[in-house]
Amino acid sequence: MTFQRVKRMAAAAGVVVAAGAVPIVAATPASASQSACTNYVASHGYYAGPKVKEACSYGAFDTPTGPFPSPGCELGLRKLDIKSEVSSPACRRA
């Protein structure tokens, strides 16, 4: 085999590997939902009315270390006097 042919085969193999790896690397974990956030708040004794649903509408950010609560969600729940021990985990579920 010639050197040029080996280079082309290695480049083709690299493209195939990259094409297979990109969707795996770029895929985000399945995120929860507004209802999961609202249900979490309600399960801790708070009334989960329209204001809680509105705050929970701000989805969490997917990061390599796991979901990060949206500041909009946490601020909205804190304005409703929901403790941070409940608001933070709830917003990670949004």
PDB file of N, CA and C in Angstrom:
ATOM      1  N   MET A   1       0.839  -1.185   0.000  1.00  0.00           N
ATOM      2  CA  MET A   1       0.000   0.000   0.000  1.00  0.00           C
ATOM      3  C   MET A   1       0.877   1.238   0.000  1.00  0.00           C
ATOM      4  N   THR A   2       0.387   2.224  -0.677  1.00  0.00           N
ATOM      5  CA  THR A   2       1.148   3.460  -0.703  1.00  0.00           C
ATOM      6  C   THR A   2       0.803   4.307   0.514  1.00  0.00           C
ATOM      7  N   PHE A   3       1.704   5.247   0.788  1.00  0.00           N
ATOM      8  CA  PHE A   3       1.507   6.131   1.937  1.00  0.00           C
ATOM      9  C   PHE A   3       0.236   6.984   1.771  1.00  0.00           C
ATOM     10  N   GLN A   4      -0.032   7.431   0.544  1.00  0.00           N
ATOM     11  CA  GLN A   4      -1.222   8.252   0.284  1.00  0.00           C
ATOM     12  C   GLN A   4      -2.493   7.465   0.578  1.00  0.00           C
ATOM     13  N   ARG A   5      -2.503   6.221   0.186  1.00  0.00           N
ATOM     14  CA  ARG A   5      -3.687   5.379   0.405  1.00  0.00           C
ATOM     15  C   ARG A   5      -3.925   5.152   1.902  1.00  0.00           C
ATOM     16  N   VAL A   6      -2.868   4.926   2.644  1.00  0.00           N
ATOM     17  CA  VAL A   6      -2.964   4.739   4.091  1.00  0.00           C
ATOM     18  C   VAL A   6      -3.510   6.016   4.743  1.00  0.00           C
ATOM     19  N   LYS A   7      -3.007   7.165   4.301  1.00  0.00           N
ATOM     20  CA  LYS A   7      -3.496   8.444   4.840  1.00  0.00           C
ATOM     21  C   LYS A   7      -4.993   8.624   4.572  1.00  0.00           C
ATOM     22  N   ARG A   8      -5.427   8.291   3.360  1.00  0.00           N
ATOM     23  CA  ARG A   8      -6.856   8.427   3.031  1.00  0.00           C
ATOM     24  C   ARG A   8      -7.711   7.488   3.856  1.00  0.00           C
ATOM     25  N   MET A   9      -7.251   6.265   4.062  1.00  0.00           N
ATOM     26  CA  MET A   9      -8.017   5.306   4.863  1.00  0.00           C
ATOM     27  C   MET A   9      -8.091   5.762   6.326  1.00  0.00           C
ATOM     28  N   ALA A  10      -7.002   6.297   6.850  1.00  0.00           N
ATOM     29  CA  ALA A  10      -6.998   6.795   8.232  1.00  0.00           C
ATOM     30  C   ALA A  10      -7.926   7.997   8.361  1.00  0.00           C
ATOM     31  N   ALA A  11      -7.936   8.875   7.382  1.00  0.00           N
ATOM     32  CA  ALA A  11      -8.825  10.034   7.415  1.00  0.00           C
ATOM     33  C   ALA A  11     -10.281   9.594   7.357  1.00  0.00           C
ATOM     34  N   ALA A  12     -10.575   8.618   6.512  1.00  0.00           N
ATOM     35  CA  ALA A  12     -11.951   8.117   6.404  1.00  0.00           C
ATOM     36  C   ALA A  12     -12.392   7.468   7.718  1.00  0.00           C
ATOM     37  N   ALA A  13     -11.497   6.702   8.315  1.00  0.00           N
ATOM     38  CA  ALA A  13     -11.832   6.073   9.601  1.00  0.00           C
ATOM     39  C   ALA A  13     -12.061   7.132  10.673  1.00  0.00           C
ATOM     40  N   GLY A  14     -11.260   8.184  10.664  1.00  0.00           N
ATOM     41  CA  GLY A  14     -11.442   9.266  11.630  1.00  0.00           C
ATOM     42  C   GLY A  14     -12.778   9.961  11.459  1.00  0.00           C
ATOM     43  N   VAL A  15     -13.197  10.161  10.218  1.00  0.00           N
ATOM     44  CA  VAL A  15     -14.496  10.797   9.953  1.00  0.00           C
ATOM     45  C   VAL A  15     -15.625   9.904  10.462  1.00  0.00           C
ATOM     46  N   VAL A  16     -15.523   8.618  10.228  1.00  0.00           N
ATOM     47  CA  VAL A  16     -16.560   7.685  10.676  1.00  0.00           C
ATOM     48  C   VAL A  16     -16.644   7.680  12.202  1.00  0.00           C
ATOM     49  N   VAL A  17     -15.509   7.655  12.871  1.00  0.00           N
ATOM     50  CA  VAL A  17     -15.490   7.662  14.335  1.00  0.00           C
ATOM     51  C   VAL A  17     -16.071   8.969  14.864  1.00  0.00           C
ATOM     52  N   ALA A  18     -15.679  10.078  14.262  1.00  0.00           N
ATOM     53  CA  ALA A  18     -16.186  11.379  14.700  1.00  0.00           C
ATOM     54  C   ALA A  18     -17.694  11.473  14.483  1.00  0.00           C
ATOM     55  N   ALA A  19     -18.178  10.984  13.363  1.00  0.00           N
ATOM     56  CA  ALA A  19     -19.616  11.040  13.074  1.00  0.00           C
ATOM     57  C   ALA A  19     -20.404  10.203  14.079  1.00  0.00           C
ATOM     58  N   GLY A  20     -19.822   9.129  14.528  1.00  0.00           N
ATOM     59  CA  GLY A  20     -20.508   8.300  15.524  1.00  0.00           C
ATOM     60  C   GLY A  20     -20.426   8.867  16.925  1.00  0.00           C
ATOM     61  N   ALA A  21     -19.361   9.603  17.223  1.00  0.00           N
ATOM     62  CA  ALA A  21     -19.158  10.117  18.578  1.00  0.00           C
ATOM     63  C   ALA A  21     -19.880  11.428  18.827  1.00  0.00           C
ATOM     64  N   VAL A  22     -20.048  12.250  17.814  1.00  0.00           N
ATOM     65  CA  VAL A  22     -20.657  13.576  18.006  1.00  0.00           C
ATOM     66  C   VAL A  22     -22.063  13.483  18.609  1.00  0.00           C
ATOM     67  N   PRO A  23     -22.953  12.636  18.111  1.00  0.00           N
ATOM     68  CA  PRO A  23     -24.278  12.583  18.735  1.00  0.00           C
ATOM     69  C   PRO A  23     -24.237  12.133  20.198  1.00  0.00           C
ATOM     70  N   ILE A  24     -23.296  11.285  20.525  1.00  0.00           N
ATOM     71  CA  ILE A  24     -23.197  10.811  21.910  1.00  0.00           C
ATOM     72  C   ILE A  24     -22.701  11.926  22.822  1.00  0.00           C
ATOM     73  N   VAL A  25     -21.706  12.672  22.366  1.00  0.00           N
ATOM     74  CA  VAL A  25     -21.136  13.754  23.156  1.00  0.00           C
ATOM     75  C   VAL A  25     -22.111  14.918  23.266  1.00  0.00           C
ATOM     76  N   ALA A  26     -22.799  15.237  22.178  1.00  0.00           N
ATOM     77  CA  ALA A  26     -23.685  16.398  22.142  1.00  0.00           C
ATOM     78  C   ALA A  26     -25.038  16.142  22.795  1.00  0.00           C
ATOM     79  N   ALA A  27     -25.396  14.906  22.997  1.00  0.00           N
ATOM     80  CA  ALA A  27     -26.703  14.600  23.568  1.00  0.00           C
ATOM     81  C   ALA A  27     -26.776  15.084  25.008  1.00  0.00           C
ATOM     82  N   THR A  28     -27.880  15.705  25.337  1.00  0.00           N
ATOM     83  CA  THR A  28     -28.090  16.149  26.716  1.00  0.00           C
ATOM     84  C   THR A  28     -28.925  15.108  27.439  1.00  0.00           C
ATOM     85  N   PRO A  29     -28.759  14.990  28.727  1.00  0.00           N
ATOM     86  CA  PRO A  29     -29.570  14.034  29.465  1.00  0.00           C
ATOM     87  C   PRO A  29     -31.029  14.434  29.413  1.00  0.00           C
ATOM     88  N   ALA A  30     -31.873  13.462  29.560  1.00  0.00           N
ATOM     89  CA  ALA A  30     -33.304  13.747  29.544  1.00  0.00           C
ATOM     90  C   ALA A  30     -33.643  14.689  30.694  1.00  0.00           C
ATOM     91  N   SER A  31     -34.276  15.767  30.354  1.00  0.00           N
ATOM     92  CA  SER A  31     -34.622  16.718  31.399  1.00  0.00           C
ATOM     93  C   SER A  31     -36.015  16.430  31.918  1.00  0.00           C
ATOM     94  N   ALA A  32     -36.246  16.856  33.109  1.00  0.00           N
ATOM     95  CA  ALA A  32     -37.559  16.670  33.708  1.00  0.00           C
ATOM     96  C   ALA A  32     -38.494  17.732  33.147  1.00  0.00           C
ATOM     97  N   SER A  33     -39.444  18.149  33.925  1.00  0.00           N
ATOM     98  CA  SER A  33     -40.429  19.060  33.378  1.00  0.00           C
ATOM     99  C   SER A  33     -40.944  20.014  34.442  1.00  0.00           C
ATOM    100  N   GLN A  34     -41.769  20.923  33.955  1.00  0.00           N
ATOM    101  CA  GLN A  34     -42.415  21.883  34.843  1.00  0.00           C
ATOM    102  C   GLN A  34     -43.243  21.147  35.896  1.00  0.00           C
ATOM    103  N   SER A  35     -43.911  20.091  35.492  1.00  0.00           N
ATOM    104  CA  SER A  35     -44.753  19.366  36.444  1.00  0.00           C
ATOM    105  C   SER A  35     -43.922  18.668  37.521  1.00  0.00           C
ATOM    106  N   ALA A  36     -42.720  18.192  37.164  1.00  0.00           N
ATOM    107  CA  ALA A  36     -41.868  17.556  38.172  1.00  0.00           C
ATOM    108  C   ALA A  36     -41.443  18.580  39.222  1.00  0.00           C
ATOM    109  N   CYS A  37     -41.146  19.786  38.781  1.00  0.00           N
ATOM    110  CA  CYS A  37     -40.785  20.875  39.693  1.00  0.00           C
ATOM    111  C   CYS A  37     -41.971  21.232  40.594  1.00  0.00           C
ATOM    112  N   THR A  38     -43.125  21.407  39.978  1.00  0.00           N
ATOM    113  CA  THR A  38     -44.331  21.774  40.720  1.00  0.00           C
ATOM    114  C   THR A  38     -44.704  20.691  41.727  1.00  0.00           C
ATOM    115  N   ASN A  39     -44.623  19.441  41.299  1.00  0.00           N
ATOM    116  CA  ASN A  39     -44.952  18.330  42.205  1.00  0.00           C
ATOM    117  C   ASN A  39     -43.980  18.259  43.381  1.00  0.00           C
ATOM    118  N   TYR A  40     -42.722  18.552  43.136  1.00  0.00           N
ATOM    119  CA  TYR A  40     -41.728  18.535  44.211  1.00  0.00           C
ATOM    120  C   TYR A  40     -42.063  19.600  45.249  1.00  0.00           C
ATOM    121  N   VAL A  41     -42.421  20.790  44.780  1.00  0.00           N
ATOM    122  CA  VAL A  41     -42.788  21.876  45.693  1.00  0.00           C
ATOM    123  C   VAL A  41     -44.025  21.470  46.503  1.00  0.00           C
ATOM    124  N   ALA A  42     -45.027  20.924  45.826  1.00  0.00           N
ATOM    125  CA  ALA A  42     -46.263  20.521  46.504  1.00  0.00           C
ATOM    126  C   ALA A  42     -46.015  19.401  47.513  1.00  0.00           C
ATOM    127  N   SER A  43     -45.083  18.504  47.194  1.00  0.00           N
ATOM    128  CA  SER A  43     -44.813  17.384  48.102  1.00  0.00           C
ATOM    129  C   SER A  43     -44.154  17.839  49.404  1.00  0.00           C
ATOM    130  N   HIS A  44     -43.690  19.080  49.433  1.00  0.00           N
ATOM    131  CA  HIS A  44     -43.077  19.628  50.646  1.00  0.00           C
ATOM    132  C   HIS A  44     -44.010  20.582  51.380  1.00  0.00           C
ATOM    133  N   GLY A  45     -45.295  20.477  51.080  1.00  0.00           N
ATOM    134  CA  GLY A  45     -46.298  21.211  51.846  1.00  0.00           C
ATOM    135  C   GLY A  45     -46.631  22.603  51.340  1.00  0.00           C
ATOM    136  N   TYR A  46     -46.099  23.002  50.211  1.00  0.00           N
ATOM    137  CA  TYR A  46     -46.395  24.324  49.663  1.00  0.00           C
ATOM    138  C   TYR A  46     -47.546  24.223  48.660  1.00  0.00           C
ATOM    139  N   TYR A  47     -48.299  25.312  48.541  1.00  0.00           N
ATOM    140  CA  TYR A  47     -49.364  25.374  47.546  1.00  0.00           C
ATOM    141  C   TYR A  47     -48.727  25.598  46.179  1.00  0.00           C
ATOM    142  N   ALA A  48     -49.000  24.714  45.256  1.00  0.00           N
ATOM    143  CA  ALA A  48     -48.401  24.792  43.928  1.00  0.00           C
ATOM    144  C   ALA A  48     -49.416  25.371  42.944  1.00  0.00           C
ATOM    145  N   GLY A  49     -49.651  26.653  43.079  1.00  0.00           N
ATOM    146  CA  GLY A  49     -50.595  27.340  42.211  1.00  0.00           C
ATOM    147  C   GLY A  49     -49.923  27.896  40.970  1.00  0.00           C
ATOM    148  N   PRO A  50     -50.597  28.862  40.332  1.00  0.00           N
ATOM    149  CA  PRO A  50     -50.075  29.409  39.078  1.00  0.00           C
ATOM    150  C   PRO A  50     -48.713  30.089  39.206  1.00  0.00           C
ATOM    151  N   LYS A  51     -48.420  30.705  40.331  1.00  0.00           N
ATOM    152  CA  LYS A  51     -47.125  31.377  40.495  1.00  0.00           C
ATOM    153  C   LYS A  51     -45.991  30.367  40.599  1.00  0.00           C
ATOM    154  N   VAL A  52     -46.250  29.247  41.248  1.00  0.00           N
ATOM    155  CA  VAL A  52     -45.235  28.184  41.312  1.00  0.00           C
ATOM    156  C   VAL A  52     -45.039  27.597  39.921  1.00  0.00           C
ATOM    157  N   LYS A  53     -46.125  27.380  39.198  1.00  0.00           N
ATOM    158  CA  LYS A  53     -46.018  26.844  37.840  1.00  0.00           C
ATOM    159  C   LYS A  53     -45.241  27.798  36.944  1.00  0.00           C
ATOM    160  N   GLU A  54     -45.468  29.088  37.121  1.00  0.00           N
ATOM    161  CA  GLU A  54     -44.738  30.070  36.323  1.00  0.00           C
ATOM    162  C   GLU A  54     -43.244  30.016  36.633  1.00  0.00           C
ATOM    163  N   ALA A  55     -42.897  29.953  37.914  1.00  0.00           N
ATOM    164  CA  ALA A  55     -41.481  29.875  38.288  1.00  0.00           C
ATOM    165  C   ALA A  55     -40.854  28.590  37.756  1.00  0.00           C
ATOM    166  N   CYS A  56     -41.598  27.511  37.809  1.00  0.00           N
ATOM    167  CA  CYS A  56     -41.079  26.219  37.347  1.00  0.00           C
ATOM    168  C   CYS A  56     -41.007  26.128  35.822  1.00  0.00           C
ATOM    169  N   SER A  57     -41.520  27.112  35.133  1.00  0.00           N
ATOM    170  CA  SER A  57     -41.461  27.084  33.674  1.00  0.00           C
ATOM    171  C   SER A  57     -40.055  27.395  33.153  1.00  0.00           C
ATOM    172  N   TYR A  58     -39.194  27.939  34.019  1.00  0.00           N
ATOM    173  CA  TYR A  58     -37.805  28.173  33.634  1.00  0.00           C
ATOM    174  C   TYR A  58     -37.047  26.863  33.796  1.00  0.00           C
ATOM    175  N   GLY A  59     -36.674  26.270  32.700  1.00  0.00           N
ATOM    176  CA  GLY A  59     -36.026  24.965  32.733  1.00  0.00           C
ATOM    177  C   GLY A  59     -34.615  25.008  33.284  1.00  0.00           C
ATOM    178  N   ALA A  60     -34.190  23.891  33.832  1.00  0.00           N
ATOM    179  CA  ALA A  60     -32.823  23.757  34.349  1.00  0.00           C
ATOM    180  C   ALA A  60     -31.852  23.679  33.179  1.00  0.00           C
ATOM    181  N   PHE A  61     -30.607  24.034  33.444  1.00  0.00           N
ATOM    182  CA  PHE A  61     -29.549  23.957  32.447  1.00  0.00           C
ATOM    183  C   PHE A  61     -28.843  22.622  32.585  1.00  0.00           C
ATOM    184  N   ASP A  62     -28.703  21.912  31.475  1.00  0.00           N
ATOM    185  CA  ASP A  62     -27.982  20.644  31.496  1.00  0.00           C
ATOM    186  C   ASP A  62     -26.490  20.923  31.425  1.00  0.00           C
ATOM    187  N   THR A  63     -25.761  20.403  32.392  1.00  0.00           N
ATOM    188  CA  THR A  63     -24.315  20.558  32.439  1.00  0.00           C
ATOM    189  C   THR A  63     -23.684  19.172  32.537  1.00  0.00           C
ATOM    190  N   PRO A  64     -22.398  19.064  32.290  1.00  0.00           N
ATOM    191  CA  PRO A  64     -21.744  17.754  32.408  1.00  0.00           C
ATOM    192  C   PRO A  64     -21.851  17.146  33.811  1.00  0.00           C
ATOM    193  N   THR A  65     -22.020  17.992  34.823  1.00  0.00           N
ATOM    194  CA  THR A  65     -22.122  17.474  36.189  1.00  0.00           C
ATOM    195  C   THR A  65     -23.557  17.256  36.631  1.00  0.00           C
ATOM    196  N   GLY A  66     -24.513  17.514  35.758  1.00  0.00           N
ATOM    197  CA  GLY A  66     -25.922  17.328  36.081  1.00  0.00           C
ATOM    198  C   GLY A  66     -26.695  18.619  35.894  1.00  0.00           C
ATOM    199  N   PRO A  67     -28.004  18.567  36.130  1.00  0.00           N
ATOM    200  CA  PRO A  67     -28.813  19.765  35.915  1.00  0.00           C
ATOM    201  C   PRO A  67     -28.461  20.883  36.895  1.00  0.00           C
ATOM    202  N   PHE A  68     -28.452  22.105  36.378  1.00  0.00           N
ATOM    203  CA  PHE A  68     -28.182  23.298  37.182  1.00  0.00           C
ATOM    204  C   PHE A  68     -29.465  24.113  37.221  1.00  0.00           C
ATOM    205  N   PRO A  69     -29.956  24.466  38.414  1.00  0.00           N
ATOM    206  CA  PRO A  69     -31.228  25.181  38.501  1.00  0.00           C
ATOM    207  C   PRO A  69     -31.169  26.555  37.842  1.00  0.00           C
ATOM    208  N   SER A  70     -32.227  26.894  37.149  1.00  0.00           N
ATOM    209  CA  SER A  70     -32.321  28.202  36.503  1.00  0.00           C
ATOM    210  C   SER A  70     -32.467  29.289  37.565  1.00  0.00           C
ATOM    211  N   PRO A  71     -31.721  30.375  37.437  1.00  0.00           N
ATOM    212  CA  PRO A  71     -31.886  31.484  38.392  1.00  0.00           C
ATOM    213  C   PRO A  71     -33.301  32.052  38.376  1.00  0.00           C
ATOM    214  N   GLY A  72     -33.942  32.050  37.218  1.00  0.00           N
ATOM    215  CA  GLY A  72     -35.322  32.540  37.129  1.00  0.00           C
ATOM    216  C   GLY A  72     -36.277  31.695  37.948  1.00  0.00           C
ATOM    217  N   CYS A  73     -36.080  30.401  37.914  1.00  0.00           N
ATOM    218  CA  CYS A  73     -36.919  29.488  38.690  1.00  0.00           C
ATOM    219  C   CYS A  73     -36.672  29.678  40.185  1.00  0.00           C
ATOM    220  N   GLU A  74     -35.409  29.679  40.569  1.00  0.00           N
ATOM    221  CA  GLU A  74     -35.099  29.815  41.999  1.00  0.00           C
ATOM    222  C   GLU A  74     -35.574  31.153  42.553  1.00  0.00           C
ATOM    223  N   LEU A  75     -35.364  32.217  41.802  1.00  0.00           N
ATOM    224  CA  LEU A  75     -35.790  33.532  42.257  1.00  0.00           C
ATOM    225  C   LEU A  75     -37.307  33.586  42.379  1.00  0.00           C
ATOM    226  N   GLY A  76     -38.001  33.016  41.396  1.00  0.00           N
ATOM    227  CA  GLY A  76     -39.462  32.995  41.440  1.00  0.00           C
ATOM    228  C   GLY A  76     -39.994  32.246  42.653  1.00  0.00           C
ATOM    229  N   LEU A  77     -39.392  31.113  42.967  1.00  0.00           N
ATOM    230  CA  LEU A  77     -39.844  30.335  44.129  1.00  0.00           C
ATOM    231  C   LEU A  77     -39.460  31.019  45.442  1.00  0.00           C
ATOM    232  N   ARG A  78     -38.296  31.653  45.462  1.00  0.00           N
ATOM    233  CA  ARG A  78     -37.874  32.356  46.686  1.00  0.00           C
ATOM    234  C   ARG A  78     -38.794  33.546  46.969  1.00  0.00           C
ATOM    235  N   LYS A  79     -39.288  34.205  45.913  1.00  0.00           N
ATOM    236  CA  LYS A  79     -40.233  35.306  46.095  1.00  0.00           C
ATOM    237  C   LYS A  79     -41.541  34.824  46.721  1.00  0.00           C
ATOM    238  N   LEU A  80     -41.818  33.544  46.574  1.00  0.00           N
ATOM    239  CA  LEU A  80     -43.025  32.950  47.163  1.00  0.00           C
ATOM    240  C   LEU A  80     -42.748  32.375  48.544  1.00  0.00           C
ATOM    241  N   ASP A  81     -41.593  32.711  49.110  1.00  0.00           N
ATOM    242  CA  ASP A  81     -41.170  32.255  50.438  1.00  0.00           C
ATOM    243  C   ASP A  81     -41.008  30.741  50.531  1.00  0.00           C
ATOM    244  N   ILE A  82     -40.572  30.150  49.443  1.00  0.00           N
ATOM    245  CA  ILE A  82     -40.259  28.721  49.460  1.00  0.00           C
ATOM    246  C   ILE A  82     -38.776  28.600  49.790  1.00  0.00           C
ATOM    247  N   LYS A  83     -38.488  27.815  50.801  1.00  0.00           N
ATOM    248  CA  LYS A  83     -37.109  27.691  51.287  1.00  0.00           C
ATOM    249  C   LYS A  83     -36.180  27.169  50.194  1.00  0.00           C
ATOM    250  N   SER A  84     -34.921  27.574  50.284  1.00  0.00           N
ATOM    251  CA  SER A  84     -33.933  27.161  49.278  1.00  0.00           C
ATOM    252  C   SER A  84     -33.708  25.647  49.295  1.00  0.00           C
ATOM    253  N   GLU A  85     -33.946  25.006  50.443  1.00  0.00           N
ATOM    254  CA  GLU A  85     -33.805  23.548  50.522  1.00  0.00           C
ATOM    255  C   GLU A  85     -34.829  22.846  49.635  1.00  0.00           C
ATOM    256  N   VAL A  86     -35.905  23.549  49.311  1.00  0.00           N
ATOM    257  CA  VAL A  86     -36.939  22.993  48.435  1.00  0.00           C
ATOM    258  C   VAL A  86     -36.817  23.586  47.028  1.00  0.00           C
ATOM    259  N   SER A  87     -36.562  24.883  46.938  1.00  0.00           N
ATOM    260  CA  SER A  87     -36.546  25.541  45.629  1.00  0.00           C
ATOM    261  C   SER A  87     -35.423  25.041  44.731  1.00  0.00           C
ATOM    262  N   SER A  88     -34.245  24.854  45.283  1.00  0.00           N
ATOM    263  CA  SER A  88     -33.109  24.429  44.468  1.00  0.00           C
ATOM    264  C   SER A  88     -33.322  23.039  43.859  1.00  0.00           C
ATOM    265  N   PRO A  89     -33.673  22.028  44.669  1.00  0.00           N
ATOM    266  CA  PRO A  89     -33.931  20.723  44.062  1.00  0.00           C
ATOM    267  C   PRO A  89     -35.133  20.743  43.118  1.00  0.00           C
ATOM    268  N   ALA A  90     -36.128  21.532  43.437  1.00  0.00           N
ATOM    269  CA  ALA A  90     -37.297  21.626  42.549  1.00  0.00           C
ATOM    270  C   ALA A  90     -36.900  22.176  41.195  1.00  0.00           C
ATOM    271  N   CYS A  91     -36.089  23.230  41.221  1.00  0.00           N
ATOM    272  CA  CYS A  91     -35.677  23.866  39.955  1.00  0.00           C
ATOM    273  C   CYS A  91     -34.732  22.991  39.155  1.00  0.00           C
ATOM    274  N   ARG A  92     -34.005  22.086  39.787  1.00  0.00           N
ATOM    275  CA  ARG A  92     -33.183  21.136  39.036  1.00  0.00           C
ATOM    276  C   ARG A  92     -34.064  20.143  38.294  1.00  0.00           C
ATOM    277  N   ARG A  93     -35.289  19.983  38.747  1.00  0.00           N
ATOM    278  CA  ARG A  93     -36.227  19.066  38.091  1.00  0.00           C
ATOM    279  C   ARG A  93     -36.972  19.744  36.945  1.00  0.00           C
ATOM    280  N   ALA A  94     -36.909  21.062  36.875  1.00  0.00           N
ATOM    281  CA  ALA A  94     -37.661  21.807  35.846  1.00  0.00           C
ATOM    282  C   ALA A  94     -37.044  21.631  34.475  1.00  0.00           C
TER     283      ALA A  94
END
